[in-house]
Protein backbone atom coordinates (compact mmCIF):
# COMPACT_ATOMS: atom_id res chain seq x y z
CA MET A 1 -0.51 -5.63 -10.60
CA LEU A 2 0.06 -3.59 -13.75
CA ASP A 3 -2.67 -3.25 -16.35
CA GLN A 4 -2.08 -5.28 -19.53
CA LYS A 5 -2.72 -2.20 -21.71
CA LEU A 6 0.15 -0.42 -19.97
CA LEU A 7 2.43 -3.45 -20.33
CA ASP A 8 1.63 -3.56 -24.06
CA VAL A 9 3.02 -0.05 -24.62
CA LEU A 10 5.95 -0.04 -22.18
CA ALA A 11 9.43 -0.50 -23.62
CA CYS A 12 12.93 -0.35 -22.23
CA PRO A 13 13.99 3.31 -22.16
CA LYS A 14 17.55 2.36 -23.11
CA CYS A 15 17.11 0.00 -26.08
CA LYS A 16 13.34 0.35 -26.73
CA GLY A 17 13.11 -3.44 -26.40
CA GLU A 18 10.48 -5.66 -24.85
CA LEU A 19 10.13 -5.89 -21.08
CA ASP A 20 9.35 -8.97 -19.03
CA TYR A 21 6.98 -8.17 -16.15
CA ARG A 22 7.61 -10.07 -12.91
CA PRO A 23 4.62 -9.28 -10.65
CA ASP A 24 5.90 -11.43 -7.77
CA ASP A 25 9.15 -9.42 -7.71
CA ASN A 26 7.54 -6.04 -8.58
CA GLU A 27 9.92 -5.46 -11.47
CA LEU A 28 10.26 -5.19 -15.21
CA ARG A 29 13.24 -6.87 -16.85
CA CYS A 30 14.96 -6.05 -20.10
CA ASN A 31 16.84 -9.15 -21.15
CA ALA A 32 18.56 -7.33 -24.02
CA CYS A 33 20.12 -4.63 -21.79
CA LYS A 34 20.28 -6.86 -18.70
CA LEU A 35 18.54 -4.16 -16.63
CA VAL A 36 15.77 -4.41 -14.04
CA TYR A 37 13.29 -1.58 -13.48
CA ALA A 38 11.40 -1.47 -10.19
CA VAL A 39 7.62 -1.18 -9.91
CA LYS A 40 6.67 0.87 -6.84
CA ASP A 41 3.02 1.20 -5.80
CA ASP A 42 1.98 -0.14 -9.23
CA ILE A 43 4.02 2.57 -10.98
CA PRO A 44 6.98 1.49 -13.15
CA VAL A 45 10.16 3.46 -12.43
CA MET A 46 11.49 3.72 -15.98
CA LEU A 47 14.65 5.71 -15.28
CA ILE A 48 17.87 4.21 -16.61
CA GLU A 49 19.78 5.77 -13.71
CA GLU A 50 17.60 3.89 -11.19
CA ALA A 51 17.65 0.52 -12.96
CA ARG A 52 19.77 -2.22 -11.49
CA PRO A 53 21.78 -4.83 -13.38
CA LEU A 54 20.09 -8.16 -13.99
CA SER A 55 22.06 -10.77 -12.07
């Protein structure tokens, strides 16, 4: 589970938009870019190259 303070400052690295945290799926979603960023061992992987498309 990610800390709320961290979630408050995180933004999509591509568009700088808001991210939607999905703790059950261990991911952060950017609805504007339609990208999903993984959260591994409670660490967000905020690399555009490693994001997957939101289906």
